[in-house]
Structures are given as structure tokens and as C-alpha cells.
């Protein structure tokens, strides 16, 4: 049976890891290099690095810090933020990323996923979708959750997977940072629409939320979280031990 992955997320702004609630009110947490090493040494299966203001500020992703992070860790690294062209994919992969996450760039240029998948392979291309309910409809937001694109989320994600995205990170803006649990309804809708790995993001507040996630939605491949790991509220070895106790397969 394929093991479920536990993935810490580093949201990086101005060279520091930050965390907010519902994508707002960012506060400083730590150095991305130190935090990345800690997670690599303490049981994380992968790491996600987002330069969270690159798209909204219209600039390229910070590569110096990214290179430092990549040199420090021994687990797969997914990188996103300001990815608008195939040359951005190339630059980030050369810095040591294993996978590249695209969000606003794919909304601006829907052929970007197809072009990148053709060059680097589907396994390298991740569609990251920031999704929020608007009048009861799942809508895709761009620029770090600041801009409603009007796109219906499930159809958009299906289209991206059809173009070659090999993995989906579903970020629920509604549950982000609230610590009330993952957005099971939203995840269920996406899992039933695509046949590639889906990573749940947004809402983890404790170990029980991961147990609930994997038991409710066996199709979900991974759980991603930030603040509960950053602030030591949940230690990854403890989380994995509890999941294993609940017969959820994990890499110990």
C-alpha cells in the first residue's frame, strides 16, 4: 500500500518563513534554511517552499535562499511562487527543486502546464489551487488568494491535470490557518475528479485532523501543514506514530 505523506510548508516572504490566517495577517516564524533542515532531519516526507508574494509583487522567485534550502535537505522539494514561464521552471529546477508548483502563472497562461510537462515530465509539474467558496461555488483565487479569477475550481483542476499536471495541491482558503480541520467537502470533490495524487492543505490543527483526513478520504495522498509544525504544536514523529496506530500507512 502506498504510504501517506506528511509535508510541512514554508511560506516565505522577504526571506523569512511567515504564517497567517485565511491568507491574511502574516507573522514572522523563522529562517527557511534552519526550518527546512529541521524538517528533513525529523521525519518529513517532502517539503514545500512557496515564495508567497512573488506573483502579487510581479517578480521572480528568490533563488539564493532556495539554493541554500535545497543544499540543506535530503527529502523531495516542491517550489512555487512567481512561476510564469518555462524558463522559471528551468531556473527553479537548477536550484535543486524536484517539483515545481504553479498557480497564478497557469491562470495567466493555461498552456504553461502543457509546455512544462512536455519538457520536464508530468511528475515535475504541480498545480497548486487556492480555492474559496463564493456563493456556494468553489472558485479559484490568484495572487496569494487576493484575486477571484471567477474560475470554477474542480473544472479548472481537471483541465490542468488534462494538460499534464502530475499532482494537485488543494489549498482551502476557507480553512487556512483556522485549525478546525481539513476541508473534507472540497477535497472530496477534487479527489473524485482527477486520477493524480492530491495533497490536502489548509486547516490542520492537530493530529486528529490528519487521522480524520486519511480515514474520510483514502484517495488523498498527503497532508500539508505549516503553523502546527512550525510552532511545535505537532511533532511529525508523533503524528506518524498515531497514524500508524490507526492503520494508516506512513514512512516511519
C-alpha atoms as a PDB file:
ATOM      1  CA  UNK A   1       0.000   0.000   0.000  1.00  0.00           C
ATOM      2  CA  UNK A   2       1.272   3.493  -0.834  1.00  0.00           C
ATOM      3  CA  UNK A   3       2.283   5.407   2.294  1.00  0.00           C
ATOM      4  CA  UNK A   4       0.621   8.724   3.114  1.00  0.00           C
ATOM      5  CA  UNK A   5       2.985  11.674   3.019  1.00  0.00           C
ATOM      6  CA  UNK A   6       3.336  14.388   5.671  1.00  0.00           C
ATOM      7  CA  UNK A   7       4.535  17.650   4.165  1.00  0.00           C
ATOM      8  CA  UNK A   8       5.484  20.841   6.031  1.00  0.00           C
ATOM      9  CA  UNK A   9       5.063  24.054   4.051  1.00  0.00           C
ATOM     10  CA  UNK A  10       7.387  27.043   4.212  1.00  0.00           C
ATOM     11  CA  UNK A  11       5.574  30.243   3.182  1.00  0.00           C
ATOM     12  CA  UNK A  12       8.476  32.619   2.524  1.00  0.00           C
ATOM     13  CA  UNK A  13       8.202  36.422   2.383  1.00  0.00           C
ATOM     14  CA  UNK A  14      11.239  38.730   2.262  1.00  0.00           C
ATOM     15  CA  UNK A  15      13.493  35.771   3.021  1.00  0.00           C
ATOM     16  CA  UNK A  16      11.656  34.658   6.180  1.00  0.00           C
ATOM     17  CA  UNK A  17       9.048  31.971   6.873  1.00  0.00           C
ATOM     18  CA  UNK A  18       5.701  33.592   7.740  1.00  0.00           C
ATOM     19  CA  UNK A  19       2.210  32.356   8.639  1.00  0.00           C
ATOM     20  CA  UNK A  20      -1.237  33.939   8.570  1.00  0.00           C
ATOM     21  CA  UNK A  21      -4.932  33.065   8.839  1.00  0.00           C
ATOM     22  CA  UNK A  22      -7.146  32.828   5.725  1.00  0.00           C
ATOM     23  CA  UNK A  23      -4.046  34.054   3.808  1.00  0.00           C
ATOM     24  CA  UNK A  24      -4.034  37.339   5.830  1.00  0.00           C
ATOM     25  CA  UNK A  25      -2.199  38.821   8.836  1.00  0.00           C
ATOM     26  CA  UNK A  26       1.267  37.353   8.235  1.00  0.00           C
ATOM     27  CA  UNK A  27       3.646  36.987  11.188  1.00  0.00           C
ATOM     28  CA  UNK A  28       7.343  36.079  11.204  1.00  0.00           C
ATOM     29  CA  UNK A  29       8.258  32.490  12.130  1.00  0.00           C
ATOM     30  CA  UNK A  30      11.842  31.507  11.320  1.00  0.00           C
ATOM     31  CA  UNK A  31      14.695  31.144   8.837  1.00  0.00           C
ATOM     32  CA  UNK A  32      13.658  28.912   5.909  1.00  0.00           C
ATOM     33  CA  UNK A  33      17.068  27.215   5.832  1.00  0.00           C
ATOM     34  CA  UNK A  34      17.026  26.296   9.546  1.00  0.00           C
ATOM     35  CA  UNK A  35      13.415  25.157   9.441  1.00  0.00           C
ATOM     36  CA  UNK A  36      13.949  23.098   6.275  1.00  0.00           C
ATOM     37  CA  UNK A  37      16.898  21.264   7.861  1.00  0.00           C
ATOM     38  CA  UNK A  38      14.856  20.579  10.999  1.00  0.00           C
ATOM     39  CA  UNK A  39      12.040  19.009   8.966  1.00  0.00           C
ATOM     40  CA  UNK A  40      14.413  16.998   6.778  1.00  0.00           C
ATOM     41  CA  UNK A  41      16.037  15.580   9.925  1.00  0.00           C
ATOM     42  CA  UNK A  42      12.749  14.926  11.758  1.00  0.00           C
ATOM     43  CA  UNK A  43      10.616  12.724   9.562  1.00  0.00           C
ATOM     44  CA  UNK A  44       9.021  14.990   6.941  1.00  0.00           C
ATOM     45  CA  UNK A  45       8.414  13.100   3.689  1.00  0.00           C
ATOM     46  CA  UNK A  46       8.704  16.162   1.486  1.00  0.00           C
ATOM     47  CA  UNK A  47       8.941  19.917   1.803  1.00  0.00           C
ATOM     48  CA  UNK A  48       7.039  22.688   0.020  1.00  0.00           C
ATOM     49  CA  UNK A  49       8.632  26.132  -0.390  1.00  0.00           C
ATOM     50  CA  UNK A  50       6.347  28.965  -1.524  1.00  0.00           C
ATOM     51  CA  UNK A  51       7.612  32.479  -2.240  1.00  0.00           C
ATOM     52  CA  UNK A  52       4.153  33.795  -1.360  1.00  0.00           C
ATOM     53  CA  UNK A  53       4.386  37.367  -2.660  1.00  0.00           C
ATOM     54  CA  UNK A  54       6.358  36.789  -5.880  1.00  0.00           C
ATOM     55  CA  UNK A  55       3.226  36.763  -8.090  1.00  0.00           C
ATOM     56  CA  UNK A  56       1.457  39.690  -6.447  1.00  0.00           C
ATOM     57  CA  UNK A  57       4.695  41.740  -6.497  1.00  0.00           C
ATOM     58  CA  UNK A  58       5.328  40.776 -10.128  1.00  0.00           C
ATOM     59  CA  UNK A  59       8.864  39.469  -9.579  1.00  0.00           C
ATOM     60  CA  UNK A  60      10.826  36.261  -9.929  1.00  0.00           C
ATOM     61  CA  UNK A  61      11.205  33.829  -7.043  1.00  0.00           C
ATOM     62  CA  UNK A  62      14.092  34.343  -4.586  1.00  0.00           C
ATOM     63  CA  UNK A  63      16.662  31.809  -5.758  1.00  0.00           C
ATOM     64  CA  UNK A  64      19.518  32.403  -3.287  1.00  0.00           C
ATOM     65  CA  UNK A  65      17.528  31.180  -0.273  1.00  0.00           C
ATOM     66  CA  UNK A  66      16.044  28.371  -2.351  1.00  0.00           C
ATOM     67  CA  UNK A  67      19.523  27.088  -3.291  1.00  0.00           C
ATOM     68  CA  UNK A  68      20.507  27.133   0.403  1.00  0.00           C
ATOM     69  CA  UNK A  69      17.373  25.161   1.359  1.00  0.00           C
ATOM     70  CA  UNK A  70      17.906  22.595  -1.411  1.00  0.00           C
ATOM     71  CA  UNK A  71      21.526  22.030  -0.317  1.00  0.00           C
ATOM     72  CA  UNK A  72      20.450  21.508   3.284  1.00  0.00           C
ATOM     73  CA  UNK A  73      17.740  18.859   2.911  1.00  0.00           C
ATOM     74  CA  UNK A  74      17.562  15.213   1.828  1.00  0.00           C
ATOM     75  CA  UNK A  75      13.857  14.937   1.002  1.00  0.00           C
ATOM     76  CA  UNK A  76      11.950  15.937  -2.163  1.00  0.00           C
ATOM     77  CA  UNK A  77      11.388  19.685  -2.536  1.00  0.00           C
ATOM     78  CA  UNK A  78       8.456  21.359  -4.294  1.00  0.00           C
ATOM     79  CA  UNK A  79       8.840  25.051  -5.071  1.00  0.00           C
ATOM     80  CA  UNK A  80       6.312  27.678  -6.128  1.00  0.00           C
ATOM     81  CA  UNK A  81       5.772  31.421  -6.364  1.00  0.00           C
ATOM     82  CA  UNK A  82       6.183  33.653  -9.409  1.00  0.00           C
ATOM     83  CA  UNK A  83       6.343  30.707 -11.838  1.00  0.00           C
ATOM     84  CA  UNK A  84       5.163  32.272 -15.096  1.00  0.00           C
ATOM     85  CA  UNK A  85       7.216  30.626 -17.833  1.00  0.00           C
ATOM     86  CA  UNK A  86       9.140  27.503 -18.779  1.00  0.00           C
ATOM     87  CA  UNK A  87      12.347  29.426 -18.024  1.00  0.00           C
ATOM     88  CA  UNK A  88      11.091  29.909 -14.439  1.00  0.00           C
ATOM     89  CA  UNK A  89      10.682  26.112 -14.210  1.00  0.00           C
ATOM     90  CA  UNK A  90      14.218  25.703 -15.513  1.00  0.00           C
ATOM     91  CA  UNK A  91      15.691  28.198 -13.038  1.00  0.00           C
ATOM     92  CA  UNK A  92      13.970  26.652 -10.005  1.00  0.00           C
ATOM     93  CA  UNK A  93      14.883  23.085 -11.013  1.00  0.00           C
ATOM     94  CA  UNK A  94      18.508  24.162 -11.421  1.00  0.00           C
ATOM     95  CA  UNK A  95      18.378  25.497  -7.843  1.00  0.00           C
ATOM     96  CA  UNK A  96      17.615  21.981  -6.631  1.00  0.00           C
ATOM     97  CA  UNK A  97      13.811  21.700  -6.689  1.00  0.00           C
ATOM     98  CA  UNK A  98      12.361  18.273  -7.536  1.00  0.00           C
ATOM     99  CA  UNK A  99       8.909  19.587  -8.471  1.00  0.00           C
ATOM    100  CA  UNK A 100       7.580  22.992  -9.480  1.00  0.00           C
ATOM    101  CA  UNK A 101       4.253  24.292  -8.255  1.00  0.00           C
ATOM    102  CA  UNK A 102       2.338  26.686 -10.478  1.00  0.00           C
ATOM    103  CA  UNK A 103      -0.751  28.703  -9.603  1.00  0.00           C
ATOM    104  CA  UNK A 104      -1.209  32.279 -10.875  1.00  0.00           C
ATOM    105  CA  UNK A 105       1.153  31.599 -13.797  1.00  0.00           C
ATOM    106  CA  UNK A 106      -1.111  28.834 -15.134  1.00  0.00           C
ATOM    107  CA  UNK A 107      -4.170  31.069 -14.775  1.00  0.00           C
ATOM    108  CA  UNK A 108      -2.459  33.768 -16.862  1.00  0.00           C
ATOM    109  CA  UNK A 109      -1.088  31.253 -19.367  1.00  0.00           C
ATOM    110  CA  UNK A 110      -3.012  27.929 -19.374  1.00  0.00           C
ATOM    111  CA  UNK A 111      -0.565  26.393 -21.883  1.00  0.00           C
ATOM    112  CA  UNK A 112       2.292  26.713 -19.343  1.00  0.00           C
ATOM    113  CA  UNK A 113       1.453  23.365 -17.710  1.00  0.00           C
ATOM    114  CA  UNK A 114       1.383  21.566 -21.044  1.00  0.00           C
ATOM    115  CA  UNK A 115       4.712  23.101 -22.143  1.00  0.00           C
ATOM    116  CA  UNK A 116       6.429  22.351 -18.816  1.00  0.00           C
ATOM    117  CA  UNK A 117       5.112  18.776 -18.640  1.00  0.00           C
ATOM    118  CA  UNK A 118       6.356  18.125 -22.169  1.00  0.00           C
ATOM    119  CA  UNK A 119       9.836  19.375 -21.268  1.00  0.00           C
ATOM    120  CA  UNK A 120      10.269  18.044 -17.732  1.00  0.00           C
ATOM    121  CA  UNK A 121       7.633  15.315 -17.339  1.00  0.00           C
ATOM    122  CA  UNK A 122       4.257  15.249 -15.591  1.00  0.00           C
ATOM    123  CA  UNK A 123       5.828  14.185 -12.278  1.00  0.00           C
ATOM    124  CA  UNK A 124       7.622  17.535 -12.114  1.00  0.00           C
ATOM    125  CA  UNK A 125       4.541  19.758 -12.577  1.00  0.00           C
ATOM    126  CA  UNK A 126       2.256  20.518  -9.625  1.00  0.00           C
ATOM    127  CA  UNK A 127      -0.939  22.551  -9.922  1.00  0.00           C
ATOM    128  CA  UNK A 128      -1.493  24.462  -6.705  1.00  0.00           C
ATOM    129  CA  UNK A 129      -5.041  25.819  -6.456  1.00  0.00           C
ATOM    130  CA  UNK A 130      -6.108  28.390  -3.859  1.00  0.00           C
ATOM    131  CA  UNK A 131      -9.849  27.814  -3.564  1.00  0.00           C
ATOM    132  CA  UNK A 132     -12.618  29.594  -1.676  1.00  0.00           C
ATOM    133  CA  UNK A 133     -16.389  29.254  -1.617  1.00  0.00           C
ATOM    134  CA  UNK A 134     -18.137  32.177  -3.277  1.00  0.00           C
ATOM    135  CA  UNK A 135     -21.944  31.973  -3.085  1.00  0.00           C
ATOM    136  CA  UNK A 136     -21.637  28.215  -2.558  1.00  0.00           C
ATOM    137  CA  UNK A 137     -19.354  27.659  -5.575  1.00  0.00           C
ATOM    138  CA  UNK A 138     -15.677  26.613  -5.325  1.00  0.00           C
ATOM    139  CA  UNK A 139     -13.759  29.473  -7.004  1.00  0.00           C
ATOM    140  CA  UNK A 140     -10.055  29.672  -7.860  1.00  0.00           C
ATOM    141  CA  UNK A 141      -8.166  32.663  -6.462  1.00  0.00           C
ATOM    142  CA  UNK A 142      -4.884  34.063  -7.796  1.00  0.00           C
ATOM    143  CA  UNK A 143      -2.033  36.186  -6.393  1.00  0.00           C
ATOM    144  CA  UNK A 144      -1.861  34.512  -2.997  1.00  0.00           C
ATOM    145  CA  UNK A 145      -5.610  34.441  -2.501  1.00  0.00           C
ATOM    146  CA  UNK A 146      -6.077  38.126  -3.284  1.00  0.00           C
ATOM    147  CA  UNK A 147      -7.899  37.922  -6.616  1.00  0.00           C
ATOM    148  CA  UNK A 148     -11.042  35.966  -7.548  1.00  0.00           C
ATOM    149  CA  UNK A 149     -10.492  34.566 -11.041  1.00  0.00           C
ATOM    150  CA  UNK A 150     -14.128  33.509 -11.417  1.00  0.00           C
ATOM    151  CA  UNK A 151     -12.946  30.018 -12.470  1.00  0.00           C
ATOM    152  CA  UNK A 152     -14.874  27.049 -11.045  1.00  0.00           C
ATOM    153  CA  UNK A 153     -12.220  25.139  -9.127  1.00  0.00           C
ATOM    154  CA  UNK A 154     -12.946  21.474  -9.897  1.00  0.00           C
ATOM    155  CA  UNK A 155     -13.201  22.093 -13.657  1.00  0.00           C
ATOM    156  CA  UNK A 156     -10.025  24.186 -13.585  1.00  0.00           C
ATOM    157  CA  UNK A 157      -8.066  21.486 -11.735  1.00  0.00           C
ATOM    158  CA  UNK A 158      -9.346  18.794 -14.144  1.00  0.00           C
ATOM    159  CA  UNK A 159      -8.194  20.940 -17.061  1.00  0.00           C
ATOM    160  CA  UNK A 160      -4.719  21.399 -15.533  1.00  0.00           C
ATOM    161  CA  UNK A 161      -4.355  17.653 -14.924  1.00  0.00           C
ATOM    162  CA  UNK A 162      -5.506  17.026 -18.500  1.00  0.00           C
ATOM    163  CA  UNK A 163      -2.715  19.362 -19.669  1.00  0.00           C
ATOM    164  CA  UNK A 164      -0.070  17.361 -17.780  1.00  0.00           C
ATOM    165  CA  UNK A 165      -0.025  18.358 -14.099  1.00  0.00           C
ATOM    166  CA  UNK A 166       1.074  15.244 -12.218  1.00  0.00           C
ATOM    167  CA  UNK A 167      -0.026  16.343  -8.762  1.00  0.00           C
ATOM    168  CA  UNK A 168      -2.575  18.693  -7.160  1.00  0.00           C
ATOM    169  CA  UNK A 169      -2.126  20.791  -4.028  1.00  0.00           C
ATOM    170  CA  UNK A 170      -5.564  21.943  -2.914  1.00  0.00           C
ATOM    171  CA  UNK A 171      -5.348  24.955  -0.608  1.00  0.00           C
ATOM    172  CA  UNK A 172      -8.670  25.771   1.024  1.00  0.00           C
ATOM    173  CA  UNK A 173      -8.668  29.492   1.828  1.00  0.00           C
ATOM    174  CA  UNK A 174     -11.794  28.916   3.941  1.00  0.00           C
ATOM    175  CA  UNK A 175      -9.935  26.642   6.366  1.00  0.00           C
ATOM    176  CA  UNK A 176      -6.372  28.069   6.037  1.00  0.00           C
ATOM    177  CA  UNK A 177      -4.796  28.787   9.428  1.00  0.00           C
ATOM    178  CA  UNK A 178      -8.115  28.308  11.261  1.00  0.00           C
ATOM    179  CA  UNK A 179      -7.036  24.915  12.691  1.00  0.00           C
ATOM    180  CA  UNK A 180     -10.550  23.471  12.523  1.00  0.00           C
ATOM    181  CA  UNK A 181      -9.658  20.551  10.266  1.00  0.00           C
ATOM    182  CA  UNK A 182      -9.087  19.988   6.555  1.00  0.00           C
ATOM    183  CA  UNK A 183     -11.778  20.940   4.029  1.00  0.00           C
ATOM    184  CA  UNK A 184     -13.174  17.441   3.505  1.00  0.00           C
ATOM    185  CA  UNK A 185     -16.008  18.537   1.203  1.00  0.00           C
ATOM    186  CA  UNK A 186     -13.702  20.441  -1.150  1.00  0.00           C
ATOM    187  CA  UNK A 187     -11.082  17.673  -1.164  1.00  0.00           C
ATOM    188  CA  UNK A 188     -13.691  15.016  -1.877  1.00  0.00           C
ATOM    189  CA  UNK A 189     -14.917  16.948  -4.929  1.00  0.00           C
ATOM    190  CA  UNK A 190     -11.371  17.185  -6.327  1.00  0.00           C
ATOM    191  CA  UNK A 191     -10.334  13.583  -5.485  1.00  0.00           C
ATOM    192  CA  UNK A 192     -13.364  12.272  -7.358  1.00  0.00           C
ATOM    193  CA  UNK A 193     -12.488  14.321 -10.450  1.00  0.00           C
ATOM    194  CA  UNK A 194      -8.790  13.544 -11.042  1.00  0.00           C
ATOM    195  CA  UNK A 195      -6.570  10.451 -11.049  1.00  0.00           C
ATOM    196  CA  UNK A 196      -3.306  12.033  -9.869  1.00  0.00           C
ATOM    197  CA  UNK A 197      -2.078  12.482  -6.277  1.00  0.00           C
ATOM    198  CA  UNK A 198      -3.974  15.127  -4.284  1.00  0.00           C
ATOM    199  CA  UNK A 199      -2.352  16.937  -1.358  1.00  0.00           C
ATOM    200  CA  UNK A 200      -4.652  18.437   1.282  1.00  0.00           C
ATOM    201  CA  UNK A 201      -3.678  21.898   2.505  1.00  0.00           C
ATOM    202  CA  UNK A 202      -5.340  24.276   4.936  1.00  0.00           C
ATOM    203  CA  UNK A 203      -6.951  23.677   8.287  1.00  0.00           C
ATOM    204  CA  UNK A 204      -4.813  21.193  10.233  1.00  0.00           C
ATOM    205  CA  UNK A 205      -4.991  21.963  13.950  1.00  0.00           C
ATOM    206  CA  UNK A 206      -3.907  18.677  15.496  1.00  0.00           C
ATOM    207  CA  UNK A 207      -3.023  15.032  14.951  1.00  0.00           C
ATOM    208  CA  UNK A 208      -6.683  14.007  14.895  1.00  0.00           C
ATOM    209  CA  UNK A 209      -7.301  16.155  11.814  1.00  0.00           C
ATOM    210  CA  UNK A 210      -4.782  14.084   9.827  1.00  0.00           C
ATOM    211  CA  UNK A 211      -6.343  10.850  11.061  1.00  0.00           C
ATOM    212  CA  UNK A 212      -9.783  12.145  10.072  1.00  0.00           C
ATOM    213  CA  UNK A 213      -8.463  13.254   6.668  1.00  0.00           C
ATOM    214  CA  UNK A 214      -6.968   9.899   5.665  1.00  0.00           C
ATOM    215  CA  UNK A 215      -9.812   7.846   7.121  1.00  0.00           C
ATOM    216  CA  UNK A 216     -12.530  10.001   5.474  1.00  0.00           C
ATOM    217  CA  UNK A 217     -10.740  10.330   2.136  1.00  0.00           C
ATOM    218  CA  UNK A 218      -8.470   7.353   1.392  1.00  0.00           C
ATOM    219  CA  UNK A 219      -7.806   8.871  -2.045  1.00  0.00           C
ATOM    220  CA  UNK A 220      -5.922  11.825  -0.512  1.00  0.00           C
ATOM    221  CA  UNK A 221      -2.183  11.149  -0.852  1.00  0.00           C
ATOM    222  CA  UNK A 222      -0.698  13.668   1.565  1.00  0.00           C
ATOM    223  CA  UNK A 223      -1.450  16.182   4.279  1.00  0.00           C
ATOM    224  CA  UNK A 224       0.319  19.537   4.206  1.00  0.00           C
ATOM    225  CA  UNK A 225       0.517  21.957   7.133  1.00  0.00           C
ATOM    226  CA  UNK A 226       2.541  24.910   8.342  1.00  0.00           C
ATOM    227  CA  UNK A 227       1.925  26.586  11.695  1.00  0.00           C
ATOM    228  CA  UNK A 228       1.217  23.450  13.769  1.00  0.00           C
ATOM    229  CA  UNK A 229       4.629  22.112  12.713  1.00  0.00           C
ATOM    230  CA  UNK A 230       6.456  25.480  12.862  1.00  0.00           C
ATOM    231  CA  UNK A 231       5.326  26.222  16.421  1.00  0.00           C
ATOM    232  CA  UNK A 232       5.897  22.665  17.683  1.00  0.00           C
ATOM    233  CA  UNK A 233       2.206  22.011  18.373  1.00  0.00           C
ATOM    234  CA  UNK A 234       2.544  18.748  16.431  1.00  0.00           C
ATOM    235  CA  UNK A 235       5.801  16.837  16.037  1.00  0.00           C
ATOM    236  CA  UNK A 236       5.977  14.799  12.825  1.00  0.00           C
ATOM    237  CA  UNK A 237       7.257  11.581  14.517  1.00  0.00           C
ATOM    238  CA  UNK A 238       4.317  11.748  16.984  1.00  0.00           C
ATOM    239  CA  UNK A 239       1.872  12.339  14.137  1.00  0.00           C
ATOM    240  CA  UNK A 240       3.202   9.377  12.166  1.00  0.00           C
ATOM    241  CA  UNK A 241       3.124   7.094  15.195  1.00  0.00           C
ATOM    242  CA  UNK A 242      -0.555   7.944  15.734  1.00  0.00           C
ATOM    243  CA  UNK A 243      -1.397   7.423  12.055  1.00  0.00           C
ATOM    244  CA  UNK A 244       0.339   4.026  12.098  1.00  0.00           C
ATOM    245  CA  UNK A 245      -1.682   3.106  15.222  1.00  0.00           C
ATOM    246  CA  UNK A 246      -4.813   3.887  13.185  1.00  0.00           C
ATOM    247  CA  UNK A 247      -3.649   1.554  10.376  1.00  0.00           C
ATOM    248  CA  UNK A 248      -2.831   4.469   8.071  1.00  0.00           C
ATOM    249  CA  UNK A 249       0.370   3.572   6.176  1.00  0.00           C
ATOM    250  CA  UNK A 250       3.235   6.044   6.753  1.00  0.00           C
ATOM    251  CA  UNK A 251       7.022   6.037   6.414  1.00  0.00           C
ATOM    252  CA  UNK A 252       8.370   5.889   9.976  1.00  0.00           C
END
